[in-house]
C-alpha atoms as a PDB file:
ATOM      1  CA  MET A   1     -57.965  27.355  51.280  1.00  0.00           C
ATOM      2  CA  GLY A   2     -60.734  27.312  48.898  1.00  0.00           C
ATOM      3  CA  MET A   3     -62.128  23.367  48.219  1.00  0.00           C
ATOM      4  CA  ASP A   4     -59.907  22.075  50.159  1.00  0.00           C
ATOM      5  CA  HIS A   5     -61.783  21.275  53.386  1.00  0.00           C
ATOM      6  CA  ASP A   6     -60.726  19.553  56.593  1.00  0.00           C
ATOM      7  CA  LYS A   7     -62.221  15.919  56.876  1.00  0.00           C
ATOM      8  CA  HIS A   8     -59.804  15.141  60.326  1.00  0.00           C
ATOM      9  CA  LYS A   9     -59.087  17.763  63.211  1.00  0.00           C
ATOM     10  CA  VAL A  10     -55.212  15.944  63.134  1.00  0.00           C
ATOM     11  CA  SER A  11     -53.398  14.223  60.783  1.00  0.00           C
ATOM     12  CA  ILE A  12     -50.242  12.296  61.817  1.00  0.00           C
ATOM     13  CA  VAL A  13     -47.247  12.320  59.586  1.00  0.00           C
ATOM     14  CA  ILE A  14     -44.796   9.737  60.334  1.00  0.00           C
ATOM     15  CA  ALA A  15     -41.612   8.985  57.640  1.00  0.00           C
ATOM     16  CA  HIS A  16     -41.080   5.505  57.830  1.00  0.00           C
ATOM     17  CA  TYR A  17     -38.171   2.999  56.973  1.00  0.00           C
ATOM     18  CA  ASN A  18     -37.261  -0.341  58.060  1.00  0.00           C
ATOM     19  CA  ALA A  19     -38.703   0.492  61.730  1.00  0.00           C
ATOM     20  CA  ARG A  20     -40.964  -3.033  61.976  1.00  0.00           C
ATOM     21  CA  ASN A  21     -40.880  -3.762  65.440  1.00  0.00           C
ATOM     22  CA  TYR A  22     -39.640  -0.144  66.571  1.00  0.00           C
ATOM     23  CA  ILE A  23     -42.983   1.154  65.166  1.00  0.00           C
ATOM     24  CA  ARG A  24     -45.552  -0.275  67.379  1.00  0.00           C
ATOM     25  CA  LYS A  25     -44.641   1.772  70.413  1.00  0.00           C
ATOM     26  CA  ALA A  26     -45.658   4.775  68.151  1.00  0.00           C
ATOM     27  CA  LEU A  27     -48.713   3.410  66.965  1.00  0.00           C
ATOM     28  CA  GLU A  28     -49.967   1.650  70.702  1.00  0.00           C
ATOM     29  CA  SER A  29     -49.354   5.059  71.191  1.00  0.00           C
ATOM     30  CA  LEU A  30     -51.920   6.320  68.590  1.00  0.00           C
ATOM     31  CA  VAL A  31     -54.317   3.566  69.411  1.00  0.00           C
ATOM     32  CA  ARG A  32     -54.468   4.626  73.031  1.00  0.00           C
ATOM     33  CA  GLN A  33     -55.443   8.607  72.353  1.00  0.00           C
ATOM     34  CA  THR A  34     -58.105   9.458  74.138  1.00  0.00           C
ATOM     35  CA  MET A  35     -59.102  11.973  70.737  1.00  0.00           C
ATOM     36  CA  SER A  36     -62.208  10.037  68.826  1.00  0.00           C
ATOM     37  CA  GLN A  37     -60.699   7.627  66.227  1.00  0.00           C
ATOM     38  CA  ASP A  38     -63.255   9.697  63.975  1.00  0.00           C
ATOM     39  CA  ASP A  39     -61.121  12.857  64.428  1.00  0.00           C
ATOM     40  CA  PHE A  40     -57.664  12.095  63.425  1.00  0.00           C
ATOM     41  CA  GLU A  41     -55.602   9.973  60.623  1.00  0.00           C
ATOM     42  CA  VAL A  42     -52.641   8.467  60.770  1.00  0.00           C
ATOM     43  CA  ILE A  43     -50.434   8.877  57.435  1.00  0.00           C
ATOM     44  CA  ILE A  44     -47.578   6.433  57.382  1.00  0.00           C
ATOM     45  CA  VAL A  45     -45.090   7.639  54.337  1.00  0.00           C
ATOM     46  CA  ASP A  46     -42.748   4.356  53.889  1.00  0.00           C
ATOM     47  CA  ASP A  47     -39.337   5.886  52.181  1.00  0.00           C
ATOM     48  CA  LYS A  48     -38.962   2.555  50.014  1.00  0.00           C
ATOM     49  CA  SER A  49     -38.582  -0.458  53.056  1.00  0.00           C
ATOM     50  CA  THR A  50     -36.305  -3.135  52.480  1.00  0.00           C
ATOM     51  CA  GLU A  51     -38.167  -4.708  54.956  1.00  0.00           C
ATOM     52  CA  PRO A  52     -41.908  -5.936  54.669  1.00  0.00           C
ATOM     53  CA  LEU A  53     -44.680  -3.117  56.258  1.00  0.00           C
ATOM     54  CA  ASP A  54     -46.771  -6.178  57.554  1.00  0.00           C
ATOM     55  CA  ILE A  55     -46.362  -4.647  61.549  1.00  0.00           C
ATOM     56  CA  ILE A  56     -47.792  -1.078  59.938  1.00  0.00           C
ATOM     57  CA  GLN A  57     -51.124  -3.294  58.136  1.00  0.00           C
ATOM     58  CA  GLY A  58     -51.572  -5.347  61.362  1.00  0.00           C
ATOM     59  CA  TYR A  59     -52.934  -1.843  63.167  1.00  0.00           C
ATOM     60  CA  GLU A  60     -55.289  -0.714  59.997  1.00  0.00           C
ATOM     61  CA  CYS A  61     -57.608  -2.617  62.045  1.00  0.00           C
ATOM     62  CA  LYS A  62     -57.022  -1.006  64.990  1.00  0.00           C
ATOM     63  CA  ILE A  63     -56.732   2.381  63.860  1.00  0.00           C
ATOM     64  CA  LYS A  64     -59.743   3.720  62.394  1.00  0.00           C
ATOM     65  CA  HIS A  65     -58.156   6.002  59.434  1.00  0.00           C
ATOM     66  CA  LEU A  66     -54.705   5.022  58.424  1.00  0.00           C
ATOM     67  CA  ARG A  67     -52.812   4.862  55.924  1.00  0.00           C
ATOM     68  CA  ILE A  68     -49.685   3.806  54.063  1.00  0.00           C
ATOM     69  CA  ILE A  69     -48.002   5.271  51.067  1.00  0.00           C
ATOM     70  CA  VAL A  70     -44.666   3.871  49.841  1.00  0.00           C
ATOM     71  CA  GLU A  71     -42.216   6.241  47.842  1.00  0.00           C
ATOM     72  CA  GLU A  72     -40.862   5.060  44.403  1.00  0.00           C
ATOM     73  CA  GLN A  73     -37.672   5.450  45.499  1.00  0.00           C
ATOM     74  CA  ASN A  74     -35.757   5.727  48.926  1.00  0.00           C
ATOM     75  CA  HIS A  75     -34.475   9.141  49.736  1.00  0.00           C
ATOM     76  CA  GLY A  76     -32.638   7.794  52.728  1.00  0.00           C
ATOM     77  CA  TYR A  77     -33.732  11.281  54.202  1.00  0.00           C
ATOM     78  CA  PRO A  78     -37.046  12.302  56.035  1.00  0.00           C
ATOM     79  CA  SER A  79     -37.792  15.169  54.327  1.00  0.00           C
ATOM     80  CA  ILE A  80     -39.205  14.895  50.959  1.00  0.00           C
ATOM     81  CA  PRO A  81     -41.584  11.740  52.804  1.00  0.00           C
ATOM     82  CA  ARG A  82     -43.191  14.163  54.970  1.00  0.00           C
ATOM     83  CA  ASN A  83     -43.639  16.205  52.799  1.00  0.00           C
ATOM     84  CA  HIS A  84     -45.844  14.250  50.557  1.00  0.00           C
ATOM     85  CA  GLY A  85     -47.641  13.251  53.634  1.00  0.00           C
ATOM     86  CA  ILE A  86     -48.122  16.659  54.666  1.00  0.00           C
ATOM     87  CA  ALA A  87     -49.034  17.306  50.513  1.00  0.00           C
ATOM     88  CA  LYS A  88     -52.011  14.318  51.080  1.00  0.00           C
ATOM     89  CA  ALA A  89     -53.745  15.228  54.536  1.00  0.00           C
ATOM     90  CA  HIS A  90     -56.406  16.135  55.417  1.00  0.00           C
ATOM     91  CA  GLY A  91     -56.715  17.414  59.058  1.00  0.00           C
ATOM     92  CA  THR A  92     -56.888  20.930  60.350  1.00  0.00           C
ATOM     93  CA  PHE A  93     -53.695  20.469  61.835  1.00  0.00           C
ATOM     94  CA  ILE A  94     -50.928  17.769  61.478  1.00  0.00           C
ATOM     95  CA  MET A  95     -48.596  16.619  63.817  1.00  0.00           C
ATOM     96  CA  LEU A  96     -44.848  15.276  62.573  1.00  0.00           C
ATOM     97  CA  MET A  97     -43.617  11.877  64.523  1.00  0.00           C
ATOM     98  CA  ASP A  98     -40.520   9.749  64.460  1.00  0.00           C
ATOM     99  CA  GLN A  99     -41.249   5.992  63.893  1.00  0.00           C
ATOM    100  CA  ASP A 100     -39.737   5.688  67.025  1.00  0.00           C
ATOM    101  CA  ASP A 101     -41.343   7.899  69.379  1.00  0.00           C
ATOM    102  CA  ASN A 102     -44.909   7.963  71.074  1.00  0.00           C
ATOM    103  CA  LEU A 103     -47.481  10.485  72.507  1.00  0.00           C
ATOM    104  CA  ALA A 104     -49.083  10.327  75.989  1.00  0.00           C
ATOM    105  CA  ASP A 105     -52.369   9.413  75.543  1.00  0.00           C
ATOM    106  CA  ASP A 106     -54.187  12.679  75.871  1.00  0.00           C
ATOM    107  CA  THR A 107     -51.352  14.856  73.484  1.00  0.00           C
ATOM    108  CA  LEU A 108     -54.000  15.009  70.279  1.00  0.00           C
ATOM    109  CA  LEU A 109     -56.983  16.114  72.267  1.00  0.00           C
ATOM    110  CA  THR A 110     -54.955  18.301  74.686  1.00  0.00           C
ATOM    111  CA  PHE A 111     -52.933  20.428  71.986  1.00  0.00           C
ATOM    112  CA  TYR A 112     -55.708  20.461  69.697  1.00  0.00           C
ATOM    113  CA  GLU A 113     -58.122  21.956  72.230  1.00  0.00           C
ATOM    114  CA  PHE A 114     -55.321  24.354  73.436  1.00  0.00           C
ATOM    115  CA  ALA A 115     -55.253  25.535  69.540  1.00  0.00           C
ATOM    116  CA  GLY A 116     -58.426  26.618  69.767  1.00  0.00           C
ATOM    117  CA  ASN A 117     -58.773  28.840  66.407  1.00  0.00           C
ATOM    118  CA  ASP A 118     -55.224  31.108  66.664  1.00  0.00           C
ATOM    119  CA  SER A 119     -52.598  29.033  67.439  1.00  0.00           C
ATOM    120  CA  ASP A 120     -50.471  27.688  64.365  1.00  0.00           C
ATOM    121  CA  VAL A 121     -48.021  25.612  66.133  1.00  0.00           C
ATOM    122  CA  ILE A 122     -48.080  24.000  69.113  1.00  0.00           C
ATOM    123  CA  ILE A 123     -44.650  22.973  71.053  1.00  0.00           C
ATOM    124  CA  GLY A 124     -45.816  19.923  73.875  1.00  0.00           C
ATOM    125  CA  LYS A 125     -42.907  19.231  76.184  1.00  0.00           C
ATOM    126  CA  TYR A 126     -40.474  16.485  75.638  1.00  0.00           C
ATOM    127  CA  ALA A 127     -39.760  13.942  78.021  1.00  0.00           C
ATOM    128  CA  GLU A 128     -35.984  13.151  78.765  1.00  0.00           C
ATOM    129  CA  GLY A 129     -35.871  10.046  77.643  1.00  0.00           C
ATOM    130  CA  LYS A 130     -32.328   7.979  77.399  1.00  0.00           C
ATOM    131  CA  MET A 131     -32.084   9.201  73.988  1.00  0.00           C
ATOM    132  CA  TYR A 132     -33.138  12.818  74.109  1.00  0.00           C
ATOM    133  CA  ASN A 133     -30.565  15.574  73.137  1.00  0.00           C
ATOM    134  CA  GLY A 134     -33.148  17.939  72.817  1.00  0.00           C
ATOM    135  CA  THR A 135     -33.647  21.091  75.145  1.00  0.00           C
ATOM    136  CA  GLN A 136     -36.053  21.522  77.759  1.00  0.00           C
ATOM    137  CA  VAL A 137     -35.446  25.311  78.720  1.00  0.00           C
ATOM    138  CA  PRO A 138     -39.101  26.330  76.934  1.00  0.00           C
ATOM    139  CA  PHE A 139     -40.836  24.025  79.643  1.00  0.00           C
ATOM    140  CA  ARG A 140     -38.551  24.758  82.471  1.00  0.00           C
ATOM    141  CA  SER A 141     -41.904  27.217  83.861  1.00  0.00           C
ATOM    142  CA  GLY A 142     -43.672  24.313  83.965  1.00  0.00           C
ATOM    143  CA  THR A 143     -47.096  26.627  82.750  1.00  0.00           C
ATOM    144  CA  ASN A 144     -48.521  26.491  79.539  1.00  0.00           C
ATOM    145  CA  ILE A 145     -47.943  29.604  77.619  1.00  0.00           C
ATOM    146  CA  LYS A 146     -50.802  30.156  74.523  1.00  0.00           C
ATOM    147  CA  ASP A 147     -49.158  32.949  72.552  1.00  0.00           C
ATOM    148  CA  ALA A 148     -45.593  32.401  73.438  1.00  0.00           C
ATOM    149  CA  ASN A 149     -42.775  35.239  72.430  1.00  0.00           C
ATOM    150  CA  ILE A 150     -40.486  34.607  70.308  1.00  0.00           C
ATOM    151  CA  ILE A 151     -37.001  35.786  71.966  1.00  0.00           C
ATOM    152  CA  THR A 152     -38.039  35.346  76.421  1.00  0.00           C
ATOM    153  CA  ASP A 153     -39.555  32.123  75.870  1.00  0.00           C
ATOM    154  CA  HIS A 154     -36.841  30.674  74.099  1.00  0.00           C
ATOM    155  CA  ILE A 155     -38.496  29.526  71.020  1.00  0.00           C
ATOM    156  CA  LEU A 156     -35.208  29.148  69.493  1.00  0.00           C
ATOM    157  CA  SER A 157     -34.105  26.590  71.131  1.00  0.00           C
ATOM    158  CA  THR A 158     -36.916  24.106  70.299  1.00  0.00           C
ATOM    159  CA  LEU A 159     -36.789  23.632  66.380  1.00  0.00           C
ATOM    160  CA  ALA A 160     -36.532  19.450  66.084  1.00  0.00           C
ATOM    161  CA  PRO A 161     -40.376  18.640  63.906  1.00  0.00           C
ATOM    162  CA  HIS A 162     -42.014  16.442  66.401  1.00  0.00           C
ATOM    163  CA  LYS A 163     -44.595  19.907  67.059  1.00  0.00           C
ATOM    164  CA  MET A 164     -48.312  20.143  66.121  1.00  0.00           C
ATOM    165  CA  TYR A 165     -48.896  22.792  62.545  1.00  0.00           C
ATOM    166  CA  ARG A 166     -51.723  23.964  61.263  1.00  0.00           C
ATOM    167  CA  ARG A 167     -51.815  22.440  58.107  1.00  0.00           C
ATOM    168  CA  GLU A 168     -53.514  25.711  56.114  1.00  0.00           C
ATOM    169  CA  MET A 169     -50.464  27.452  57.450  1.00  0.00           C
ATOM    170  CA  LEU A 170     -47.967  25.551  55.921  1.00  0.00           C
ATOM    171  CA  ASN A 171     -49.883  25.311  52.762  1.00  0.00           C
ATOM    172  CA  GLN A 172     -50.636  28.914  52.468  1.00  0.00           C
ATOM    173  CA  TYR A 173     -47.187  29.710  53.641  1.00  0.00           C
ATOM    174  CA  ASP A 174     -45.676  27.030  51.120  1.00  0.00           C
ATOM    175  CA  ILE A 175     -43.822  25.252  53.719  1.00  0.00           C
ATOM    176  CA  ARG A 176     -42.309  22.504  53.469  1.00  0.00           C
ATOM    177  CA  PHE A 177     -39.053  20.680  54.633  1.00  0.00           C
ATOM    178  CA  PRO A 178     -36.375  21.715  52.115  1.00  0.00           C
ATOM    179  CA  ASP A 179     -34.583  19.411  49.441  1.00  0.00           C
ATOM    180  CA  SER A 180     -31.042  17.763  50.779  1.00  0.00           C
ATOM    181  CA  SER A 181     -29.319  18.945  47.710  1.00  0.00           C
ATOM    182  CA  TYR A 182     -29.441  22.482  49.121  1.00  0.00           C
ATOM    183  CA  ILE A 183     -29.988  22.292  52.863  1.00  0.00           C
ATOM    184  CA  ARG A 184     -27.568  18.839  53.578  1.00  0.00           C
ATOM    185  CA  VAL A 185     -28.318  19.660  57.585  1.00  0.00           C
ATOM    186  CA  GLU A 186     -30.626  20.458  60.379  1.00  0.00           C
ATOM    187  CA  GLU A 187     -33.289  20.703  57.524  1.00  0.00           C
ATOM    188  CA  ASP A 188     -36.714  20.782  60.538  1.00  0.00           C
ATOM    189  CA  GLN A 189     -34.292  24.083  61.557  1.00  0.00           C
ATOM    190  CA  VAL A 190     -35.656  25.585  58.046  1.00  0.00           C
ATOM    191  CA  PHE A 191     -38.789  24.438  58.356  1.00  0.00           C
ATOM    192  CA  ASN A 192     -39.619  25.304  61.923  1.00  0.00           C
ATOM    193  CA  MET A 193     -37.640  28.873  61.259  1.00  0.00           C
ATOM    194  CA  LYS A 194     -40.281  29.307  58.662  1.00  0.00           C
ATOM    195  CA  VAL A 195     -43.250  28.410  60.566  1.00  0.00           C
ATOM    196  CA  TYR A 196     -41.740  30.386  63.383  1.00  0.00           C
ATOM    197  CA  SER A 197     -41.912  33.665  61.273  1.00  0.00           C
ATOM    198  CA  VAL A 198     -45.402  33.591  60.037  1.00  0.00           C
ATOM    199  CA  SER A 199     -47.362  31.316  62.891  1.00  0.00           C
ATOM    200  CA  ARG A 200     -50.075  33.635  64.639  1.00  0.00           C
ATOM    201  CA  LYS A 201     -49.511  32.567  68.105  1.00  0.00           C
ATOM    202  CA  ILE A 202     -47.079  29.921  69.040  1.00  0.00           C
ATOM    203  CA  SER A 203     -48.144  27.303  71.950  1.00  0.00           C
ATOM    204  CA  ILE A 204     -45.969  25.908  73.821  1.00  0.00           C
ATOM    205  CA  LEU A 205     -47.650  23.528  77.094  1.00  0.00           C
ATOM    206  CA  ALA A 206     -45.490  22.523  79.702  1.00  0.00           C
ATOM    207  CA  ASP A 207     -47.326  20.871  82.521  1.00  0.00           C
ATOM    208  CA  LYS A 208     -45.923  17.567  81.433  1.00  0.00           C
ATOM    209  CA  ASP A 209     -44.166  14.485  79.204  1.00  0.00           C
ATOM    210  CA  TYR A 210     -45.887  15.004  76.035  1.00  0.00           C
ATOM    211  CA  TYR A 211     -43.675  13.776  73.340  1.00  0.00           C
ATOM    212  CA  TYR A 212     -41.504  10.255  74.197  1.00  0.00           C
ATOM    213  CA  TRP A 213     -38.399  10.394  71.968  1.00  0.00           C
ATOM    214  CA  ASN A 214     -36.847   6.613  71.699  1.00  0.00           C
ATOM    215  CA  GLN A 215     -34.448   7.577  69.419  1.00  0.00           C
ATOM    216  CA  ARG A 216     -32.910   3.962  68.678  1.00  0.00           C
ATOM    217  CA  ARG A 217     -28.941   4.537  68.288  1.00  0.00           C
ATOM    218  CA  ASP A 218     -28.564   3.816  64.627  1.00  0.00           C
ATOM    219  CA  PHE A 219     -31.697   5.884  63.046  1.00  0.00           C
ATOM    220  CA  GLY A 220     -32.881   2.894  60.375  1.00  0.00           C
ATOM    221  CA  ASN A 221     -31.864   4.677  57.063  1.00  0.00           C
ATOM    222  CA  LEU A 222     -34.197   8.306  58.267  1.00  0.00           C
ATOM    223  CA  GLY A 223     -32.304  10.985  57.924  1.00  0.00           C
ATOM    224  CA  LYS A 224     -28.797   9.051  58.022  1.00  0.00           C
ATOM    225  CA  SER A 225     -27.968   9.033  54.419  1.00  0.00           C
ATOM    226  CA  LEU A 226     -23.902   9.742  54.173  1.00  0.00           C
ATOM    227  CA  SER A 227     -24.421  13.390  52.472  1.00  0.00           C
ATOM    228  CA  TYR A 228     -26.175  14.134  56.306  1.00  0.00           C
ATOM    229  CA  THR A 229     -22.893  15.147  57.163  1.00  0.00           C
ATOM    230  CA  TYR A 230     -21.322  18.087  58.717  1.00  0.00           C
ATOM    231  CA  ASN A 231     -18.066  17.779  56.358  1.00  0.00           C
ATOM    232  CA  GLU A 232     -17.972  21.186  54.849  1.00  0.00           C
ATOM    233  CA  LEU A 233     -18.827  24.885  55.679  1.00  0.00           C
ATOM    234  CA  TRP A 234     -21.104  25.689  52.650  1.00  0.00           C
ATOM    235  CA  LYS A 235     -23.250  23.312  54.167  1.00  0.00           C
ATOM    236  CA  TYR A 236     -23.676  25.832  56.962  1.00  0.00           C
ATOM    237  CA  LEU A 237     -23.693  28.881  54.540  1.00  0.00           C
ATOM    238  CA  ASN A 238     -26.519  27.846  53.081  1.00  0.00           C
ATOM    239  CA  ILE A 239     -28.364  26.996  55.953  1.00  0.00           C
ATOM    240  CA  LEU A 240     -27.673  30.267  57.656  1.00  0.00           C
ATOM    241  CA  SER A 241     -28.585  32.112  54.532  1.00  0.00           C
ATOM    242  CA  GLU A 242     -31.949  30.529  54.372  1.00  0.00           C
ATOM    243  CA  VAL A 243     -32.584  31.097  57.806  1.00  0.00           C
ATOM    244  CA  PHE A 244     -31.270  35.087  57.441  1.00  0.00           C
ATOM    245  CA  ASN A 245     -33.999  35.233  54.016  1.00  0.00           C
ATOM    246  CA  ILE A 246     -36.779  33.149  56.548  1.00  0.00           C
ATOM    247  CA  VAL A 247     -36.198  35.723  59.176  1.00  0.00           C
ATOM    248  CA  GLU A 248     -36.022  39.378  57.354  1.00  0.00           C
ATOM    249  CA  ALA A 249     -39.699  37.950  55.302  1.00  0.00           C
ATOM    250  CA  SER A 250     -41.796  37.606  58.517  1.00  0.00           C
ATOM    251  CA  PRO A 251     -44.636  39.491  58.214  1.00  0.00           C
ATOM    252  CA  ASN A 252     -44.527  39.590  62.495  1.00  0.00           C
ATOM    253  CA  TRP A 253     -40.684  40.465  63.760  1.00  0.00           C
ATOM    254  CA  SER A 254     -39.548  44.042  63.734  1.00  0.00           C
ATOM    255  CA  LEU A 255     -36.678  44.763  62.830  1.00  0.00           C
ATOM    256  CA  LEU A 256     -34.822  44.691  66.221  1.00  0.00           C
ATOM    257  CA  GLN A 257     -36.387  40.975  66.687  1.00  0.00           C
ATOM    258  CA  GLN A 258     -34.969  40.124  63.556  1.00  0.00           C
ATOM    259  CA  SER A 259     -31.219  41.130  64.641  1.00  0.00           C
ATOM    260  CA  LYS A 260     -31.372  39.124  67.806  1.00  0.00           C
ATOM    261  CA  LEU A 261     -33.146  36.665  66.369  1.00  0.00           C
ATOM    262  CA  LYS A 262     -30.183  35.967  63.541  1.00  0.00           C
ATOM    263  CA  ALA A 263     -27.298  36.336  66.777  1.00  0.00           C
ATOM    264  CA  MET A 264     -29.709  33.795  68.573  1.00  0.00           C
ATOM    265  CA  TYR A 265     -29.680  31.630  65.512  1.00  0.00           C
ATOM    266  CA  ILE A 266     -26.048  31.944  64.834  1.00  0.00           C
ATOM    267  CA  GLY A 267     -24.904  30.834  68.088  1.00  0.00           C
ATOM    268  CA  ARG A 268     -27.280  28.078  68.114  1.00  0.00           C
ATOM    269  CA  LEU A 269     -25.896  27.069  64.895  1.00  0.00           C
ATOM    270  CA  PHE A 270     -22.190  27.142  65.817  1.00  0.00           C
ATOM    271  CA  ASN A 271     -22.281  26.579  69.580  1.00  0.00           C
ATOM    272  CA  SER A 272     -24.185  23.187  69.124  1.00  0.00           C
ATOM    273  CA  SER A 273     -21.162  22.336  66.276  1.00  0.00           C
ATOM    274  CA  TYR A 274     -18.776  25.120  67.319  1.00  0.00           C
ATOM    275  CA  THR A 275     -15.644  22.955  66.755  1.00  0.00           C
ATOM    276  CA  ASN A 276     -16.907  21.342  63.909  1.00  0.00           C
ATOM    277  CA  VAL A 277     -17.142  24.186  62.897  1.00  0.00           C
ATOM    278  CA  ILE A 278     -13.369  25.173  63.288  1.00  0.00           C
ATOM    279  CA  GLU A 279     -11.876  21.690  62.223  1.00  0.00           C
ATOM    280  CA  ILE A 280     -13.812  22.491  58.525  1.00  0.00           C
ATOM    281  CA  ILE A 281     -11.760  25.475  57.917  1.00  0.00           C
ATOM    282  CA  GLU A 282      -8.696  23.965  59.328  1.00  0.00           C
ATOM    283  CA  LEU A 283      -9.351  20.870  57.016  1.00  0.00           C
ATOM    284  CA  GLN A 284      -9.740  23.498  54.335  1.00  0.00           C
ATOM    285  CA  LYS A 285      -6.927  25.326  54.548  1.00  0.00           C
ATOM    286  CA  ASN A 286      -4.351  21.639  55.487  1.00  0.00           C
ATOM    287  CA  GLU A 287      -6.017  21.051  51.828  1.00  0.00           C
ATOM    288  CA  GLN A 288      -5.301  24.375  49.734  1.00  0.00           C
ATOM    289  CA  GLU A 289      -1.925  24.279  51.374  1.00  0.00           C
ATOM    290  CA  ARG A 290      -1.376  20.724  49.819  1.00  0.00           C
ATOM    291  CA  ASP A 291      -2.502  22.283  46.415  1.00  0.00           C
ATOM    292  CA  LEU A 292      -0.181  25.154  46.535  1.00  0.00           C
ATOM    293  CA  ASN A 293       2.905  23.193  46.834  1.00  0.00           C
END
């Protein structure tokens, strides 16, 4: 990577929009980290909030390396703010967090030490809070896995972005969140499939809860803009063809693994919203019939 030296062990990147009181919990959990404050930085990328940033600014004296970057325009979507945060990071690893979530006190140190020199992504167990709708399958065994198997360890069932990634890998393979004009939904699935496809080792920490998902119902304005709806078939087809391209380009996966992963991904994409797909096709048929009459 040449001149781009790591200044910190971890860079925490948080996309933010009008979270005011909600972000306190996230920042408090970063104040409490057992990792030394010298060893990590916190980059908050604000998606041009309409409310003041005073609560975040109040943490500049509590978190040693805290940076606030304000977007020039509102995107209504976390992808671009996250990408800007990743580009500005100086850590060996990047930890992506959402503005209303929080971490167990030893998360950064535990993840960093477990990763060593060869894990490129660390997946820590998610706590099952009220608003949690993710999977627990990869964590059921309760055992930590240093070199997880993409198929048998159920890695594909966890495609949320709340993980720790080696920054050198993200930059080497140019892994960023896709632009919303092309991938309108499930942008984090495309990001994580790309990560999984090039990672030397994927590690799972399942011995306890590390990441607390506290999403409030209205999401602020991140990732819930009007274009973010599952209302047209092309949105599925774009994501499917993108994921297939990623799977086929992987330097790590055999042809057999590639076919299994494609089948698993189709099942995943359409199971989570299968009824939607049928509804969309029905809608389109009705519209076509109306046009013919």
